PDB file of N, CA and C in Angstrom:
ATOM      1  N   MET A   1       0.852  -1.178   0.000  1.00  0.00           N
ATOM      2  CA  MET A   1       0.000   0.000   0.000  1.00  0.00           C
ATOM      3  C   MET A   1       0.891   1.233   0.000  1.00  0.00           C
ATOM      4  N   GLY A   2       0.803   2.024  -1.024  1.00  0.00           N
ATOM      5  CA  GLY A   2       1.563   3.256  -1.071  1.00  0.00           C
ATOM      6  C   GLY A   2       0.626   4.434  -1.254  1.00  0.00           C
ATOM      7  N   TYR A   3       1.150   5.599  -0.996  1.00  0.00           N
ATOM      8  CA  TYR A   3       0.401   6.824  -1.224  1.00  0.00           C
ATOM      9  C   TYR A   3       1.048   7.539  -2.396  1.00  0.00           C
ATOM     10  N   VAL A   4       0.226   8.134  -3.245  1.00  0.00           N
ATOM     11  CA  VAL A   4       0.744   8.907  -4.365  1.00  0.00           C
ATOM     12  C   VAL A   4       0.577  10.377  -4.013  1.00  0.00           C
ATOM     13  N   VAL A   5       1.719  11.070  -3.945  1.00  0.00           N
ATOM     14  CA  VAL A   5       1.735  12.485  -3.600  1.00  0.00           C
ATOM     15  C   VAL A   5       2.503  13.225  -4.691  1.00  0.00           C
ATOM     16  N   ASP A   6       1.827  14.161  -5.321  1.00  0.00           N
ATOM     17  CA  ASP A   6       2.419  14.938  -6.410  1.00  0.00           C
ATOM     18  C   ASP A   6       3.048  14.035  -7.471  1.00  0.00           C
ATOM     19  N   GLY A   7       2.364  12.932  -7.784  1.00  0.00           N
ATOM     20  CA  GLY A   7       2.827  12.018  -8.826  1.00  0.00           C
ATOM     21  C   GLY A   7       3.882  11.022  -8.391  1.00  0.00           C
ATOM     22  N   ASN A   8       4.321  11.082  -7.143  1.00  0.00           N
ATOM     23  CA  ASN A   8       5.329  10.152  -6.635  1.00  0.00           C
ATOM     24  C   ASN A   8       4.680   9.172  -5.669  1.00  0.00           C
ATOM     25  N   GLU A   9       4.986   7.874  -5.854  1.00  0.00           N
ATOM     26  CA  GLU A   9       4.475   6.881  -4.912  1.00  0.00           C
ATOM     27  C   GLU A   9       5.456   6.736  -3.763  1.00  0.00           C
ATOM     28  N   LEU A  10       4.949   6.876  -2.549  1.00  0.00           N
ATOM     29  CA  LEU A  10       5.779   6.775  -1.358  1.00  0.00           C
ATOM     30  C   LEU A  10       5.735   5.355  -0.819  1.00  0.00           C
ATOM     31  N   ASP A  11       6.880   4.846  -0.398  1.00  0.00           N
ATOM     32  CA  ASP A  11       6.960   3.492   0.135  1.00  0.00           C
ATOM     33  C   ASP A  11       6.391   3.431   1.544  1.00  0.00           C
ATOM     34  N   THR A  12       5.597   2.400   1.789  1.00  0.00           N
ATOM     35  CA  THR A  12       4.985   2.210   3.101  1.00  0.00           C
ATOM     36  C   THR A  12       5.192   0.773   3.560  1.00  0.00           C
ATOM     37  N   ASP A  13       4.994   0.560   4.847  1.00  0.00           N
ATOM     38  CA  ASP A  13       4.981  -0.809   5.358  1.00  0.00           C
ATOM     39  C   ASP A  13       3.588  -1.390   5.115  1.00  0.00           C
ATOM     40  N   GLU A  14       3.373  -2.624   5.582  1.00  0.00           N
ATOM     41  CA  GLU A  14       2.095  -3.293   5.332  1.00  0.00           C
ATOM     42  C   GLU A  14       0.914  -2.632   6.028  1.00  0.00           C
ATOM     43  N   GLN A  15       1.176  -1.785   7.017  1.00  0.00           N
ATOM     44  CA  GLN A  15       0.084  -1.101   7.723  1.00  0.00           C
ATOM     45  C   GLN A  15      -0.130   0.337   7.246  1.00  0.00           C
ATOM     46  N   GLY A  16       0.605   0.748   6.229  1.00  0.00           N
ATOM     47  CA  GLY A  16       0.394   2.063   5.640  1.00  0.00           C
ATOM     48  C   GLY A  16       1.223   3.186   6.220  1.00  0.00           C
ATOM     49  N   TYR A  17       2.214   2.862   7.051  1.00  0.00           N
ATOM     50  CA  TYR A  17       3.118   3.885   7.580  1.00  0.00           C
ATOM     51  C   TYR A  17       4.242   4.106   6.584  1.00  0.00           C
ATOM     52  N   LEU A  18       4.657   5.360   6.426  1.00  0.00           N
ATOM     53  CA  LEU A  18       5.786   5.644   5.547  1.00  0.00           C
ATOM     54  C   LEU A  18       7.052   4.999   6.099  1.00  0.00           C
ATOM     55  N   LEU A  19       7.894   4.508   5.209  1.00  0.00           N
ATOM     56  CA  LEU A  19       9.167   3.920   5.637  1.00  0.00           C
ATOM     57  C   LEU A  19      10.179   5.007   5.977  1.00  0.00           C
ATOM     58  N   GLU A  20      10.070   6.138   5.301  1.00  0.00           N
ATOM     59  CA  GLU A  20      10.918   7.304   5.570  1.00  0.00           C
ATOM     60  C   GLU A  20      10.017   8.493   5.850  1.00  0.00           C
ATOM     61  N   PRO A  21      10.377   9.342   6.815  1.00  0.00           N
ATOM     62  CA  PRO A  21       9.508  10.486   7.112  1.00  0.00           C
ATOM     63  C   PRO A  21       9.402  11.442   5.927  1.00  0.00           C
ATOM     64  N   ASP A  22       8.253  12.037   5.793  1.00  0.00           N
ATOM     65  CA  ASP A  22       8.018  13.059   4.777  1.00  0.00           C
ATOM     66  C   ASP A  22       7.299  14.202   5.474  1.00  0.00           C
ATOM     67  N   TYR A  23       7.888  15.380   5.437  1.00  0.00           N
ATOM     68  CA  TYR A  23       7.359  16.512   6.190  1.00  0.00           C
ATOM     69  C   TYR A  23       6.503  17.467   5.354  1.00  0.00           C
ATOM     70  N   GLY A  24       6.144  17.049   4.152  1.00  0.00           N
ATOM     71  CA  GLY A  24       5.323  17.900   3.307  1.00  0.00           C
ATOM     72  C   GLY A  24       3.869  17.924   3.748  1.00  0.00           C
ATOM     73  N   ASP A  25       3.212  19.061   3.567  1.00  0.00           N
ATOM     74  CA  ASP A  25       1.809  19.194   3.945  1.00  0.00           C
ATOM     75  C   ASP A  25       0.894  18.344   3.069  1.00  0.00           C
ATOM     76  N   GLU A  26       1.261  18.155   1.810  1.00  0.00           N
ATOM     77  CA  GLU A  26       0.410  17.363   0.914  1.00  0.00           C
ATOM     78  C   GLU A  26       0.366  15.910   1.350  1.00  0.00           C
ATOM     79  N   VAL A  27       1.468  15.411   1.895  1.00  0.00           N
ATOM     80  CA  VAL A  27       1.499  14.043   2.418  1.00  0.00           C
ATOM     81  C   VAL A  27       0.438  13.892   3.515  1.00  0.00           C
ATOM     82  N   VAL A  28       0.369  14.865   4.396  1.00  0.00           N
ATOM     83  CA  VAL A  28      -0.608  14.828   5.484  1.00  0.00           C
ATOM     84  C   VAL A  28      -2.024  14.767   4.908  1.00  0.00           C
ATOM     85  N   ARG A  29      -2.293  15.595   3.922  1.00  0.00           N
ATOM     86  CA  ARG A  29      -3.639  15.623   3.339  1.00  0.00           C
ATOM     87  C   ARG A  29      -4.011  14.282   2.700  1.00  0.00           C
ATOM     88  N   VAL A  30      -3.066  13.692   1.976  1.00  0.00           N
ATOM     89  CA  VAL A  30      -3.327  12.416   1.293  1.00  0.00           C
ATOM     90  C   VAL A  30      -3.562  11.298   2.306  1.00  0.00           C
ATOM     91  N   ILE A  31      -2.713  11.198   3.323  1.00  0.00           N
ATOM     92  CA  ILE A  31      -2.857  10.131   4.314  1.00  0.00           C
ATOM     93  C   ILE A  31      -4.122  10.349   5.149  1.00  0.00           C
ATOM     94  N   ALA A  32      -4.396  11.587   5.524  1.00  0.00           N
ATOM     95  CA  ALA A  32      -5.615  11.870   6.293  1.00  0.00           C
ATOM     96  C   ALA A  32      -6.859  11.461   5.506  1.00  0.00           C
ATOM     97  N   ALA A  33      -6.872  11.762   4.219  1.00  0.00           N
ATOM     98  CA  ALA A  33      -8.016  11.367   3.386  1.00  0.00           C
ATOM     99  C   ALA A  33      -8.142   9.846   3.351  1.00  0.00           C
ATOM    100  N   ALA A  34      -7.019   9.145   3.229  1.00  0.00           N
ATOM    101  CA  ALA A  34      -7.051   7.680   3.218  1.00  0.00           C
ATOM    102  C   ALA A  34      -7.542   7.121   4.558  1.00  0.00           C
ATOM    103  N   GLU A  35      -7.292   7.852   5.637  1.00  0.00           N
ATOM    104  CA  GLU A  35      -7.724   7.445   6.976  1.00  0.00           C
ATOM    105  C   GLU A  35      -9.147   7.911   7.289  1.00  0.00           C
ATOM    106  N   GLY A  36      -9.744   8.679   6.382  1.00  0.00           N
ATOM    107  CA  GLY A  36     -11.105   9.166   6.597  1.00  0.00           C
ATOM    108  C   GLY A  36     -11.190  10.336   7.557  1.00  0.00           C
ATOM    109  N   LEU A  37     -10.100  11.091   7.695  1.00  0.00           N
ATOM    110  CA  LEU A  37     -10.080  12.224   8.624  1.00  0.00           C
ATOM    111  C   LEU A  37     -10.237  13.542   7.878  1.00  0.00           C
ATOM    112  N   THR A  38     -11.000  14.444   8.455  1.00  0.00           N
ATOM    113  CA  THR A  38     -11.099  15.813   7.970  1.00  0.00           C
ATOM    114  C   THR A  38     -10.237  16.656   8.895  1.00  0.00           C
ATOM    115  N   LEU A  39      -9.194  17.245   8.353  1.00  0.00           N
ATOM    116  CA  LEU A  39      -8.209  17.955   9.172  1.00  0.00           C
ATOM    117  C   LEU A  39      -8.725  19.294   9.684  1.00  0.00           C
ATOM    118  N   THR A  40      -8.440  19.543  10.955  1.00  0.00           N
ATOM    119  CA  THR A  40      -8.763  20.812  11.596  1.00  0.00           C
ATOM    120  C   THR A  40      -7.449  21.460  12.047  1.00  0.00           C
ATOM    121  N   ASP A  41      -7.542  22.673  12.577  1.00  0.00           N
ATOM    122  CA  ASP A  41      -6.349  23.336  13.109  1.00  0.00           C
ATOM    123  C   ASP A  41      -5.714  22.505  14.228  1.00  0.00           C
ATOM    124  N   ASP A  42      -6.547  21.870  15.049  1.00  0.00           N
ATOM    125  CA  ASP A  42      -6.006  21.044  16.131  1.00  0.00           C
ATOM    126  C   ASP A  42      -5.246  19.841  15.590  1.00  0.00           C
ATOM    127  N   HIS A  43      -5.731  19.234  14.505  1.00  0.00           N
ATOM    128  CA  HIS A  43      -4.968  18.144  13.875  1.00  0.00           C
ATOM    129  C   HIS A  43      -3.573  18.642  13.492  1.00  0.00           C
ATOM    130  N   TRP A  44      -3.529  19.795  12.842  1.00  0.00           N
ATOM    131  CA  TRP A  44      -2.251  20.328  12.363  1.00  0.00           C
ATOM    132  C   TRP A  44      -1.307  20.632  13.528  1.00  0.00           C
ATOM    133  N   LYS A  45      -1.835  21.096  14.652  1.00  0.00           N
ATOM    134  CA  LYS A  45      -0.995  21.367  15.819  1.00  0.00           C
ATOM    135  C   LYS A  45      -0.401  20.074  16.368  1.00  0.00           C
ATOM    136  N   VAL A  46      -1.201  19.029  16.438  1.00  0.00           N
ATOM    137  CA  VAL A  46      -0.703  17.736  16.915  1.00  0.00           C
ATOM    138  C   VAL A  46       0.316  17.168  15.924  1.00  0.00           C
ATOM    139  N   ILE A  47       0.050  17.305  14.641  1.00  0.00           N
ATOM    140  CA  ILE A  47       0.981  16.827  13.613  1.00  0.00           C
ATOM    141  C   ILE A  47       2.313  17.560  13.735  1.00  0.00           C
ATOM    142  N   ALA A  48       2.274  18.874  13.906  1.00  0.00           N
ATOM    143  CA  ALA A  48       3.517  19.643  14.070  1.00  0.00           C
ATOM    144  C   ALA A  48       4.271  19.183  15.312  1.00  0.00           C
ATOM    145  N   TYR A  49       3.554  18.934  16.391  1.00  0.00           N
ATOM    146  CA  TYR A  49       4.181  18.437  17.621  1.00  0.00           C
ATOM    147  C   TYR A  49       4.868  17.093  17.366  1.00  0.00           C
ATOM    148  N   LEU A  50       4.160  16.158  16.742  1.00  0.00           N
ATOM    149  CA  LEU A  50       4.726  14.833  16.484  1.00  0.00           C
ATOM    150  C   LEU A  50       5.952  14.916  15.575  1.00  0.00           C
ATOM    151  N   ARG A  51       5.881  15.764  14.566  1.00  0.00           N
ATOM    152  CA  ARG A  51       7.028  15.921  13.667  1.00  0.00           C
ATOM    153  C   ARG A  51       8.229  16.511  14.404  1.00  0.00           C
ATOM    154  N   ASP A  52       7.981  17.499  15.247  1.00  0.00           N
ATOM    155  CA  ASP A  52       9.079  18.093  16.030  1.00  0.00           C
ATOM    156  C   ASP A  52       9.713  17.050  16.951  1.00  0.00           C
ATOM    157  N   GLU A  53       8.884  16.251  17.599  1.00  0.00           N
ATOM    158  CA  GLU A  53       9.398  15.206  18.485  1.00  0.00           C
ATOM    159  C   GLU A  53      10.213  14.186  17.700  1.00  0.00           C
ATOM    160  N   TYR A  54       9.752  13.826  16.513  1.00  0.00           N
ATOM    161  CA  TYR A  54      10.475  12.857  15.687  1.00  0.00           C
ATOM    162  C   TYR A  54      11.829  13.428  15.252  1.00  0.00           C
ATOM    163  N   ARG A  55      11.825  14.684  14.823  1.00  0.00           N
ATOM    164  CA  ARG A  55      13.089  15.322  14.405  1.00  0.00           C
ATOM    165  C   ARG A  55      14.075  15.388  15.564  1.00  0.00           C
ATOM    166  N   GLU A  56      13.579  15.730  16.741  1.00  0.00           N
ATOM    167  CA  GLU A  56      14.450  15.925  17.897  1.00  0.00           C
ATOM    168  C   GLU A  56      14.934  14.614  18.515  1.00  0.00           C
ATOM    169  N   HIS A  57      14.073  13.603  18.559  1.00  0.00           N
ATOM    170  CA  HIS A  57      14.396  12.370  19.289  1.00  0.00           C
ATOM    171  C   HIS A  57      14.549  11.133  18.413  1.00  0.00           C
ATOM    172  N   GLY A  58      14.164  11.226  17.136  1.00  0.00           N
ATOM    173  CA  GLY A  58      14.266  10.069  16.251  1.00  0.00           C
ATOM    174  C   GLY A  58      13.099   9.107  16.366  1.00  0.00           C
ATOM    175  N   HIS A  59      12.114   9.462  17.172  1.00  0.00           N
ATOM    176  CA  HIS A  59      10.903   8.660  17.323  1.00  0.00           C
ATOM    177  C   HIS A  59       9.804   9.557  17.881  1.00  0.00           C
ATOM    178  N   THR A  60       8.588   9.075  17.804  1.00  0.00           N
ATOM    179  CA  THR A  60       7.467   9.823  18.372  1.00  0.00           C
ATOM    180  C   THR A  60       7.213   9.342  19.793  1.00  0.00           C
ATOM    181  N   PRO A  61       6.574  10.176  20.608  1.00  0.00           N
ATOM    182  CA  PRO A  61       6.329   9.787  22.008  1.00  0.00           C
ATOM    183  C   PRO A  61       5.225   8.742  22.124  1.00  0.00           C
ATOM    184  N   ASN A  62       5.257   8.000  23.225  1.00  0.00           N
ATOM    185  CA  ASN A  62       4.134   7.106  23.506  1.00  0.00           C
ATOM    186  C   ASN A  62       2.932   7.976  23.893  1.00  0.00           C
ATOM    187  N   PHE A  63       1.778   7.356  24.054  1.00  0.00           N
ATOM    188  CA  PHE A  63       0.556   8.129  24.285  1.00  0.00           C
ATOM    189  C   PHE A  63       0.637   8.984  25.542  1.00  0.00           C
ATOM    190  N   ARG A  64       1.160   8.425  26.603  1.00  0.00           N
ATOM    191  CA  ARG A  64       1.220   9.162  27.874  1.00  0.00           C
ATOM    192  C   ARG A  64       2.057  10.438  27.726  1.00  0.00           C
ATOM    193  N   ASN A  65       3.228  10.311  27.115  1.00  0.00           N
ATOM    194  CA  ASN A  65       4.081  11.482  26.909  1.00  0.00           C
ATOM    195  C   ASN A  65       3.484  12.432  25.874  1.00  0.00           C
ATOM    196  N   MET A  66       2.807  11.867  24.891  1.00  0.00           N
ATOM    197  CA  MET A  66       2.143  12.694  23.882  1.00  0.00           C
ATOM    198  C   MET A  66       1.064  13.552  24.536  1.00  0.00           C
ATOM    199  N   LEU A  67       0.306  12.963  25.429  1.00  0.00           N
ATOM    200  CA  LEU A  67      -0.756  13.688  26.126  1.00  0.00           C
ATOM    201  C   LEU A  67      -0.179  14.875  26.895  1.00  0.00           C
ATOM    202  N   LYS A  68       0.940  14.663  27.590  1.00  0.00           N
ATOM    203  CA  LYS A  68       1.590  15.756  28.328  1.00  0.00           C
ATOM    204  C   LYS A  68       2.091  16.839  27.383  1.00  0.00           C
ATOM    205  N   GLY A  69       2.746  16.439  26.295  1.00  0.00           N
ATOM    206  CA  GLY A  69       3.303  17.407  25.354  1.00  0.00           C
ATOM    207  C   GLY A  69       2.247  18.202  24.622  1.00  0.00           C
ATOM    208  N   VAL A  70       1.188  17.529  24.195  1.00  0.00           N
ATOM    209  CA  VAL A  70       0.125  18.207  23.456  1.00  0.00           C
ATOM    210  C   VAL A  70      -0.623  19.173  24.364  1.00  0.00           C
ATOM    211  N   ALA A  71      -0.740  18.846  25.648  1.00  0.00           N
ATOM    212  CA  ALA A  71      -1.434  19.735  26.591  1.00  0.00           C
ATOM    213  C   ALA A  71      -0.754  21.101  26.677  1.00  0.00           C
ATOM    214  N   GLU A  72       0.538  21.136  26.362  1.00  0.00           N
ATOM    215  CA  GLU A  72       1.256  22.419  26.383  1.00  0.00           C
ATOM    216  C   GLU A  72       0.899  23.289  25.183  1.00  0.00           C
ATOM    217  N   ILE A  73       0.571  22.666  24.058  1.00  0.00           N
ATOM    218  CA  ILE A  73       0.238  23.454  22.861  1.00  0.00           C
ATOM    219  C   ILE A  73      -1.269  23.595  22.646  1.00  0.00           C
ATOM    220  N   LEU A  74      -2.029  22.685  23.252  1.00  0.00           N
ATOM    221  CA  LEU A  74      -3.494  22.748  23.205  1.00  0.00           C
ATOM    222  C   LEU A  74      -4.017  22.662  24.626  1.00  0.00           C
ATOM    223  N   PRO A  75      -4.013  23.770  25.345  1.00  0.00           N
ATOM    224  CA  PRO A  75      -4.480  23.743  26.739  1.00  0.00           C
ATOM    225  C   PRO A  75      -5.874  23.127  26.847  1.00  0.00           C
ATOM    226  N   GLY A  76      -6.021  22.272  27.839  1.00  0.00           N
ATOM    227  CA  GLY A  76      -7.298  21.618  28.052  1.00  0.00           C
ATOM    228  C   GLY A  76      -7.487  20.351  27.235  1.00  0.00           C
ATOM    229  N   CYS A  77      -6.516  20.033  26.395  1.00  0.00           N
ATOM    230  CA  CYS A  77      -6.613  18.820  25.582  1.00  0.00           C
ATOM    231  C   CYS A  77      -6.387  17.608  26.480  1.00  0.00           C
ATOM    232  N   ASP A  78      -7.348  16.694  26.469  1.00  0.00           N
ATOM    233  CA  ASP A  78      -7.229  15.483  27.270  1.00  0.00           C
ATOM    234  C   ASP A  78      -7.245  14.266  26.343  1.00  0.00           C
ATOM    235  N   SER A  79      -7.239  13.088  26.928  1.00  0.00           N
ATOM    236  CA  SER A  79      -7.176  11.882  26.108  1.00  0.00           C
ATOM    237  C   SER A  79      -8.400  11.752  25.195  1.00  0.00           C
ATOM    238  N   LYS A  80      -9.574  12.137  25.687  1.00  0.00           N
ATOM    239  CA  LYS A  80     -10.769  12.065  24.852  1.00  0.00           C
ATOM    240  C   LYS A  80     -10.635  12.975  23.638  1.00  0.00           C
ATOM    241  N   ALA A  81     -10.121  14.180  23.852  1.00  0.00           N
ATOM    242  CA  ALA A  81      -9.950  15.117  22.740  1.00  0.00           C
ATOM    243  C   ALA A  81      -8.973  14.569  21.703  1.00  0.00           C
ATOM    244  N   LEU A  82      -7.898  13.926  22.168  1.00  0.00           N
ATOM    245  CA  LEU A  82      -6.947  13.333  21.224  1.00  0.00           C
ATOM    246  C   LEU A  82      -7.584  12.182  20.452  1.00  0.00           C
ATOM    247  N   TYR A  83      -8.388  11.375  21.135  1.00  0.00           N
ATOM    248  CA  TYR A  83      -9.071  10.282  20.437  1.00  0.00           C
ATOM    249  C   TYR A  83     -10.149  10.809  19.495  1.00  0.00           C
ATOM    250  N   ASP A  84     -10.716  11.964  19.790  1.00  0.00           N
ATOM    251  CA  ASP A  84     -11.652  12.581  18.850  1.00  0.00           C
ATOM    252  C   ASP A  84     -10.930  12.977  17.565  1.00  0.00           C
ATOM    253  N   LEU A  85      -9.685  13.436  17.704  1.00  0.00           N
ATOM    254  CA  LEU A  85      -8.898  13.821  16.532  1.00  0.00           C
ATOM    255  C   LEU A  85      -8.404  12.596  15.762  1.00  0.00           C
ATOM    256  N   PHE A  86      -7.909  11.604  16.488  1.00  0.00           N
ATOM    257  CA  PHE A  86      -7.324  10.405  15.879  1.00  0.00           C
ATOM    258  C   PHE A  86      -7.961   9.166  16.510  1.00  0.00           C
ATOM    259  N   PRO A  87      -9.154   8.784  16.038  1.00  0.00           N
ATOM    260  CA  PRO A  87      -9.925   7.730  16.695  1.00  0.00           C
ATOM    261  C   PRO A  87      -9.276   6.347  16.690  1.00  0.00           C
ATOM    262  N   MET A  88      -8.340   6.091  15.809  1.00  0.00           N
ATOM    263  CA  MET A  88      -7.691   4.787  15.768  1.00  0.00           C
ATOM    264  C   MET A  88      -6.482   4.716  16.696  1.00  0.00           C
ATOM    265  N   GLY A  89      -6.300   5.752  17.500  1.00  0.00           N
ATOM    266  CA  GLY A  89      -5.186   5.801  18.444  1.00  0.00           C
ATOM    267  C   GLY A  89      -4.298   6.987  18.133  1.00  0.00           C
ATOM    268  N   PRO A  90      -4.294   7.999  19.006  1.00  0.00           N
ATOM    269  CA  PRO A  90      -3.551   9.220  18.731  1.00  0.00           C
ATOM    270  C   PRO A  90      -2.058   9.017  18.458  1.00  0.00           C
ATOM    271  N   ALA A  91      -1.398   8.181  19.222  1.00  0.00           N
ATOM    272  CA  ALA A  91       0.046   8.006  19.032  1.00  0.00           C
ATOM    273  C   ALA A  91       0.338   7.320  17.705  1.00  0.00           C
ATOM    274  N   LYS A  92      -0.396   6.277  17.389  1.00  0.00           N
ATOM    275  CA  LYS A  92      -0.158   5.522  16.151  1.00  0.00           C
ATOM    276  C   LYS A  92      -0.734   6.240  14.931  1.00  0.00           C
ATOM    277  N   GLN A  93      -2.032   6.531  14.952  1.00  0.00           N
ATOM    278  CA  GLN A  93      -2.660   7.163  13.796  1.00  0.00           C
ATOM    279  C   GLN A  93      -2.119   8.573  13.582  1.00  0.00           C
ATOM    280  N   GLY A  94      -1.824   9.268  14.671  1.00  0.00           N
ATOM    281  CA  GLY A  94      -1.239  10.604  14.541  1.00  0.00           C
ATOM    282  C   GLY A  94       0.092  10.559  13.818  1.00  0.00           C
ATOM    283  N   ALA A  95       0.942   9.595  14.158  1.00  0.00           N
ATOM    284  CA  ALA A  95       2.243   9.460  13.488  1.00  0.00           C
ATOM    285  C   ALA A  95       2.059   9.117  12.015  1.00  0.00           C
ATOM    286  N   LYS A  96       1.102   8.243  11.728  1.00  0.00           N
ATOM    287  CA  LYS A  96       0.855   7.862  10.330  1.00  0.00           C
ATOM    288  C   LYS A  96       0.438   9.078   9.514  1.00  0.00           C
ATOM    289  N   VAL A  97      -0.529   9.829  10.029  1.00  0.00           N
ATOM    290  CA  VAL A  97      -1.036  10.997   9.310  1.00  0.00           C
ATOM    291  C   VAL A  97       0.044  12.081   9.196  1.00  0.00           C
ATOM    292  N   ALA A  98       0.923  12.160  10.176  1.00  0.00           N
ATOM    293  CA  ALA A  98       2.011  13.148  10.147  1.00  0.00           C
ATOM    294  C   ALA A  98       3.089  12.806   9.113  1.00  0.00           C
ATOM    295  N   GLY A  99       2.982  11.624   8.494  1.00  0.00           N
ATOM    296  CA  GLY A  99       3.970  11.233   7.491  1.00  0.00           C
ATOM    297  C   GLY A  99       5.232  10.661   8.106  1.00  0.00           C
ATOM    298  N   LEU A 100       5.087  10.034   9.269  1.00  0.00           N
ATOM    299  CA  LEU A 100       6.235   9.480   9.990  1.00  0.00           C
ATOM    300  C   LEU A 100       6.185   7.960   9.971  1.00  0.00           C
ATOM    301  N   PRO A 101       7.344   7.316  10.161  1.00  0.00           N
ATOM    302  CA  PRO A 101       7.353   5.850  10.250  1.00  0.00           C
ATOM    303  C   PRO A 101       6.558   5.354  11.452  1.00  0.00           C
ATOM    304  N   GLN A 102       6.211   4.073  11.417  1.00  0.00           N
ATOM    305  CA  GLN A 102       5.418   3.477  12.493  1.00  0.00           C
ATOM    306  C   GLN A 102       6.142   3.530  13.828  1.00  0.00           C
ATOM    307  N   PRO A 103       5.461   4.015  14.872  1.00  0.00           N
ATOM    308  CA  PRO A 103       6.045   3.966  16.211  1.00  0.00           C
ATOM    309  C   PRO A 103       6.143   2.511  16.645  1.00  0.00           C
ATOM    310  N   LEU A 104       7.278   2.133  17.211  1.00  0.00           N
ATOM    311  CA  LEU A 104       7.479   0.746  17.579  1.00  0.00           C
ATOM    312  C   LEU A 104       7.523   0.519  19.078  1.00  0.00           C
ATOM    313  N   GLY A 105       7.332   1.589  19.856  1.00  0.00           N
ATOM    314  CA  GLY A 105       7.401   1.461  21.309  1.00  0.00           C
ATOM    315  C   GLY A 105       6.219   0.692  21.866  1.00  0.00           C
ATOM    316  N   LYS A 106       6.410   0.201  23.053  1.00  0.00           N
ATOM    317  CA  LYS A 106       5.333  -0.485  23.762  1.00  0.00           C
ATOM    318  C   LYS A 106       4.525   0.553  24.526  1.00  0.00           C
ATOM    319  N   GLY A 107       3.237   0.407  24.542  1.00  0.00           N
ATOM    320  CA  GLY A 107       2.380   1.384  25.209  1.00  0.00           C
ATOM    321  C   GLY A 107       2.369   1.195  26.716  1.00  0.00           C
ATOM    322  N   GLY A 108       1.852   2.196  27.410  1.00  0.00           N
ATOM    323  CA  GLY A 108       1.628   2.076  28.838  1.00  0.00           C
ATOM    324  C   GLY A 108       2.747   2.558  29.734  1.00  0.00           C
ATOM    325  N   TYR A 109       3.825   3.050  29.164  1.00  0.00           N
ATOM    326  CA  TYR A 109       4.941   3.499  30.004  1.00  0.00           C
ATOM    327  C   TYR A 109       5.124   4.993  29.920  1.00  0.00           C
TER     328      TYR A 109
END
């Protein structure tokens, strides 16, 4: 399963995550459409957060750390709000929509 962005097919794993990060906005739009998401300003803020974390640390945060980090940029954002944005799991689906490789960490820590 690949995504076609601006005429280029991007390589993905079997679950639809990009093998290499892509920070273009069009990638986000294409993957979000494939996931059935309509992007809002809050989606874009979470995507920017996830991309910054990936650039800085080489991976995205687990859900618990994501919740803490996102609360700094979206005051009042709780786990329900994140699941409203990314119903298939904010840490996993958020990374996919952000154009990042699949998070491989174990949840709950």
